[in-house]
Amino acid sequence: MSCCFFITQVNDVITTTYSSTVEAGNVTAACAFRYTYDKGGNITEKSVYPFTTGTPGTATDTIAYTYDSTWKDKMTSFDGYTLDYDALG
C-alpha cells in the first residue's frame, strides 16, 4: 500500500487530497480523493481521480454537498439527492 496526502487552502476554501493504492491478489485499486470544505468546516465536494503523487488531473467522479442557508451545518442535499428532516431533526 502506498499513499500521499496534501492539504491546500485558497481564501476560505480548504482542500485535502488523499491518494492510495491497495493490492489484493491480482487486483490493484488506485485512486485519489479530493475533499473541499467551506469556512465552517462542512464538506462541499468530494472528487475522485486516478492515483497520483502530484497534482490530480481530471476527476472521474464528483459528489456535491449543499447546506441550509440559515442553519449552516444542516446538510440539505448529497450527490443530487435531497435530504428531508422530521421535527426532531
N, C-alpha and C. Protein backbone atom coordinates (compact mmCIF):
# COMPACT_ATOMS: atom_id res chain seq x y z
N MET A 1 0.84 -1.17 0.00
CA MET A 1 0.00 0.00 0.00
C MET A 1 0.89 1.23 0.00
N SER A 2 0.55 2.20 -0.84
CA SER A 2 1.25 3.48 -0.82
C SER A 2 0.21 4.58 -0.81
N CYS A 3 0.58 5.75 -0.26
CA CYS A 3 -0.38 6.83 -0.21
C CYS A 3 0.31 8.19 -0.16
N CYS A 4 -0.44 9.20 -0.50
CA CYS A 4 0.02 10.58 -0.43
C CYS A 4 -1.13 11.42 0.13
N PHE A 5 -0.81 12.47 0.86
CA PHE A 5 -1.83 13.32 1.46
C PHE A 5 -1.40 14.77 1.31
N PHE A 6 -2.28 15.62 0.77
CA PHE A 6 -1.97 17.02 0.55
C PHE A 6 -3.10 17.88 1.12
N ILE A 7 -2.76 19.03 1.69
CA ILE A 7 -3.76 20.00 2.16
C ILE A 7 -3.42 21.34 1.53
N THR A 8 -4.43 21.98 0.91
CA THR A 8 -4.23 23.31 0.34
C THR A 8 -5.36 24.21 0.81
N GLN A 9 -5.09 25.51 0.88
CA GLN A 9 -6.11 26.48 1.24
C GLN A 9 -6.02 27.67 0.31
N VAL A 10 -7.17 28.03 -0.28
CA VAL A 10 -7.28 29.22 -1.11
C VAL A 10 -8.45 30.02 -0.55
N ASN A 11 -8.16 31.22 -0.04
CA ASN A 11 -9.16 32.06 0.62
C ASN A 11 -9.80 31.27 1.76
N ASP A 12 -11.12 31.07 1.75
CA ASP A 12 -11.81 30.36 2.82
C ASP A 12 -12.07 28.89 2.50
N VAL A 13 -11.54 28.38 1.39
CA VAL A 13 -11.79 27.00 0.98
C VAL A 13 -10.56 26.15 1.27
N ILE A 14 -10.76 25.10 2.05
CA ILE A 14 -9.69 24.16 2.37
C ILE A 14 -9.93 22.88 1.58
N THR A 15 -8.89 22.39 0.93
CA THR A 15 -8.99 21.18 0.13
C THR A 15 -7.96 20.17 0.63
N THR A 16 -8.40 18.93 0.88
CA THR A 16 -7.48 17.86 1.21
C THR A 16 -7.51 16.85 0.08
N THR A 17 -6.36 16.32 -0.26
CA THR A 17 -6.26 15.31 -1.32
C THR A 17 -5.55 14.10 -0.73
N TYR A 18 -6.13 12.92 -0.92
CA TYR A 18 -5.58 11.68 -0.41
C TYR A 18 -5.50 10.69 -1.55
N SER A 19 -4.31 10.17 -1.83
CA SER A 19 -4.11 9.17 -2.87
C SER A 19 -3.69 7.86 -2.22
N SER A 20 -4.20 6.76 -2.76
CA SER A 20 -3.87 5.47 -2.17
C SER A 20 -3.92 4.37 -3.22
N THR A 21 -3.00 3.43 -3.11
CA THR A 21 -3.08 2.21 -3.91
C THR A 21 -3.15 1.03 -2.94
N VAL A 22 -3.99 0.07 -3.25
CA VAL A 22 -4.15 -1.11 -2.42
C VAL A 22 -4.09 -2.32 -3.33
N GLU A 23 -3.28 -3.30 -2.99
CA GLU A 23 -3.18 -4.52 -3.78
C GLU A 23 -3.82 -5.67 -3.03
N ALA A 24 -4.68 -6.40 -3.71
CA ALA A 24 -5.33 -7.58 -3.14
C ALA A 24 -5.33 -8.67 -4.21
N GLY A 25 -4.47 -9.65 -4.05
CA GLY A 25 -4.36 -10.69 -5.06
C GLY A 25 -3.79 -10.10 -6.34
N ASN A 26 -4.51 -10.28 -7.45
CA ASN A 26 -4.07 -9.77 -8.74
C ASN A 26 -4.71 -8.43 -9.08
N VAL A 27 -5.44 -7.83 -8.14
CA VAL A 27 -6.16 -6.59 -8.40
C VAL A 27 -5.49 -5.44 -7.66
N THR A 28 -5.27 -4.35 -8.36
CA THR A 28 -4.73 -3.15 -7.73
C THR A 28 -5.75 -2.03 -7.90
N ALA A 29 -6.21 -1.47 -6.79
CA ALA A 29 -7.13 -0.33 -6.83
C ALA A 29 -6.31 0.92 -6.55
N ALA A 30 -6.45 1.90 -7.40
CA ALA A 30 -5.66 3.13 -7.21
C ALA A 30 -6.52 4.33 -7.53
N CYS A 31 -6.63 5.24 -6.57
CA CYS A 31 -7.39 6.45 -6.81
C CYS A 31 -6.95 7.53 -5.83
N ALA A 32 -7.31 8.75 -6.16
CA ALA A 32 -7.05 9.89 -5.30
C ALA A 32 -8.39 10.53 -4.99
N PHE A 33 -8.55 10.99 -3.76
CA PHE A 33 -9.77 11.66 -3.34
C PHE A 33 -9.42 13.10 -2.99
N ARG A 34 -10.22 14.03 -3.45
CA ARG A 34 -10.05 15.43 -3.08
C ARG A 34 -11.33 15.88 -2.39
N TYR A 35 -11.17 16.36 -1.15
CA TYR A 35 -12.30 16.83 -0.35
C TYR A 35 -12.18 18.34 -0.22
N THR A 36 -13.27 19.06 -0.46
CA THR A 36 -13.29 20.51 -0.34
C THR A 36 -14.28 20.89 0.76
N TYR A 37 -13.86 21.84 1.61
CA TYR A 37 -14.66 22.25 2.76
C TYR A 37 -14.92 23.76 2.71
N ASP A 38 -16.05 24.19 3.27
CA ASP A 38 -16.31 25.62 3.39
C ASP A 38 -15.63 26.13 4.66
N LYS A 39 -15.73 27.44 4.91
CA LYS A 39 -15.04 28.01 6.06
C LYS A 39 -15.60 27.54 7.40
N GLY A 40 -16.79 26.95 7.40
CA GLY A 40 -17.38 26.38 8.61
C GLY A 40 -16.96 24.94 8.86
N GLY A 41 -16.16 24.37 7.96
CA GLY A 41 -15.69 23.00 8.11
C GLY A 41 -16.59 21.96 7.49
N ASN A 42 -17.65 22.37 6.77
CA ASN A 42 -18.55 21.43 6.12
C ASN A 42 -17.97 20.99 4.78
N ILE A 43 -18.04 19.69 4.51
CA ILE A 43 -17.59 19.20 3.22
C ILE A 43 -18.55 19.73 2.15
N THR A 44 -18.01 20.28 1.07
CA THR A 44 -18.83 20.80 -0.02
C THR A 44 -18.68 19.98 -1.30
N GLU A 45 -17.58 19.22 -1.38
CA GLU A 45 -17.36 18.44 -2.60
C GLU A 45 -16.36 17.32 -2.34
N LYS A 46 -16.63 16.16 -2.94
CA LYS A 46 -15.69 15.05 -2.95
C LYS A 46 -15.47 14.66 -4.40
N SER A 47 -14.22 14.67 -4.82
CA SER A 47 -13.89 14.31 -6.19
C SER A 47 -12.96 13.10 -6.18
N VAL A 48 -13.11 12.22 -7.17
CA VAL A 48 -12.28 11.03 -7.30
C VAL A 48 -11.45 11.17 -8.57
N TYR A 49 -10.15 10.88 -8.46
CA TYR A 49 -9.20 11.00 -9.55
C TYR A 49 -8.39 9.71 -9.66
N PRO A 50 -7.77 9.46 -10.82
CA PRO A 50 -6.80 8.36 -10.89
C PRO A 50 -5.65 8.65 -9.92
N PHE A 51 -5.02 7.59 -9.41
CA PHE A 51 -3.93 7.75 -8.45
C PHE A 51 -2.84 8.65 -8.99
N THR A 52 -2.29 9.50 -8.11
CA THR A 52 -1.17 10.36 -8.47
C THR A 52 -0.38 10.70 -7.22
N THR A 53 0.89 10.99 -7.40
CA THR A 53 1.70 11.51 -6.30
C THR A 53 1.90 13.00 -6.47
N GLY A 54 1.27 13.58 -7.49
CA GLY A 54 1.35 15.01 -7.75
C GLY A 54 -0.04 15.62 -7.79
N THR A 55 -0.20 16.64 -8.59
CA THR A 55 -1.48 17.32 -8.73
C THR A 55 -2.45 16.44 -9.51
N PRO A 56 -3.67 16.21 -8.98
CA PRO A 56 -4.64 15.39 -9.70
C PRO A 56 -5.03 16.00 -11.03
N GLY A 57 -5.34 15.15 -12.00
CA GLY A 57 -5.78 15.61 -13.32
C GLY A 57 -7.27 15.85 -13.34
N THR A 58 -7.97 15.14 -14.21
CA THR A 58 -9.42 15.30 -14.36
C THR A 58 -10.15 14.31 -13.47
N ALA A 59 -11.15 14.81 -12.75
CA ALA A 59 -11.93 13.96 -11.84
C ALA A 59 -12.74 12.94 -12.63
N THR A 60 -12.82 11.71 -12.11
CA THR A 60 -13.66 10.68 -12.72
C THR A 60 -15.06 10.68 -12.10
N ASP A 61 -15.20 11.31 -10.93
CA ASP A 61 -16.50 11.42 -10.26
C ASP A 61 -16.43 12.59 -9.29
N THR A 62 -17.52 13.34 -9.17
CA THR A 62 -17.60 14.44 -8.22
C THR A 62 -18.95 14.40 -7.53
N ILE A 63 -18.93 14.48 -6.21
CA ILE A 63 -20.15 14.48 -5.41
C ILE A 63 -20.25 15.83 -4.71
N ALA A 64 -21.37 16.50 -4.90
CA ALA A 64 -21.59 17.81 -4.28
C ALA A 64 -22.45 17.67 -3.03
N TYR A 65 -22.17 18.50 -2.05
CA TYR A 65 -22.92 18.56 -0.80
C TYR A 65 -23.41 20.00 -0.64
N THR A 66 -24.68 20.19 -0.26
CA THR A 66 -25.19 21.54 -0.01
C THR A 66 -25.81 21.61 1.38
N TYR A 67 -25.88 22.84 1.89
CA TYR A 67 -26.32 23.07 3.27
C TYR A 67 -27.37 24.16 3.32
N ASP A 68 -28.16 24.16 4.38
CA ASP A 68 -29.19 25.15 4.62
C ASP A 68 -28.55 26.53 4.79
N SER A 69 -29.15 27.57 4.22
CA SER A 69 -28.57 28.91 4.29
C SER A 69 -28.72 29.54 5.68
N THR A 70 -29.69 29.08 6.49
CA THR A 70 -29.87 29.61 7.84
C THR A 70 -29.11 28.78 8.87
N TRP A 71 -29.34 27.47 8.85
CA TRP A 71 -28.67 26.55 9.77
C TRP A 71 -27.50 25.95 8.99
N LYS A 72 -26.37 26.58 9.05
CA LYS A 72 -25.24 26.35 8.16
C LYS A 72 -24.67 24.93 8.16
N ASP A 73 -24.85 24.16 9.22
CA ASP A 73 -24.30 22.81 9.23
C ASP A 73 -25.35 21.74 8.95
N LYS A 74 -26.54 22.15 8.52
CA LYS A 74 -27.61 21.21 8.18
C LYS A 74 -27.52 20.88 6.69
N MET A 75 -27.07 19.67 6.39
CA MET A 75 -26.93 19.24 5.00
C MET A 75 -28.31 19.10 4.37
N THR A 76 -28.50 19.68 3.18
CA THR A 76 -29.80 19.61 2.51
C THR A 76 -29.78 18.71 1.28
N SER A 77 -28.58 18.47 0.72
CA SER A 77 -28.50 17.53 -0.40
C SER A 77 -27.11 16.92 -0.48
N PHE A 78 -27.08 15.73 -1.09
CA PHE A 78 -25.85 14.96 -1.23
C PHE A 78 -25.92 14.23 -2.57
N ASP A 79 -24.98 14.52 -3.45
CA ASP A 79 -24.90 13.84 -4.75
C ASP A 79 -26.21 13.92 -5.54
N GLY A 80 -26.90 15.06 -5.43
CA GLY A 80 -28.15 15.27 -6.17
C GLY A 80 -29.39 14.78 -5.46
N TYR A 81 -29.26 14.15 -4.31
CA TYR A 81 -30.40 13.67 -3.54
C TYR A 81 -30.75 14.68 -2.45
N THR A 82 -32.01 15.03 -2.34
CA THR A 82 -32.48 15.95 -1.31
C THR A 82 -32.65 15.21 0.00
N LEU A 83 -32.18 15.82 1.09
CA LEU A 83 -32.34 15.24 2.41
C LEU A 83 -33.49 15.90 3.12
N ASP A 84 -34.39 15.13 3.70
CA ASP A 84 -35.52 15.64 4.45
C ASP A 84 -35.33 15.35 5.92
N TYR A 85 -35.84 16.24 6.75
CA TYR A 85 -35.73 16.09 8.20
C TYR A 85 -37.11 16.15 8.83
N ASP A 86 -37.30 15.39 9.90
CA ASP A 86 -38.56 15.47 10.63
C ASP A 86 -38.43 16.52 11.73
N ALA A 87 -39.42 16.64 12.60
CA ALA A 87 -39.43 17.67 13.64
C ALA A 87 -38.28 17.52 14.63
N LEU A 88 -37.75 16.33 14.77
CA LEU A 88 -36.64 16.10 15.70
C LEU A 88 -35.28 16.34 15.06
N GLY A 89 -35.27 16.63 13.77
CA GLY A 89 -34.01 16.93 13.09
C GLY A 89 -33.53 15.79 12.29
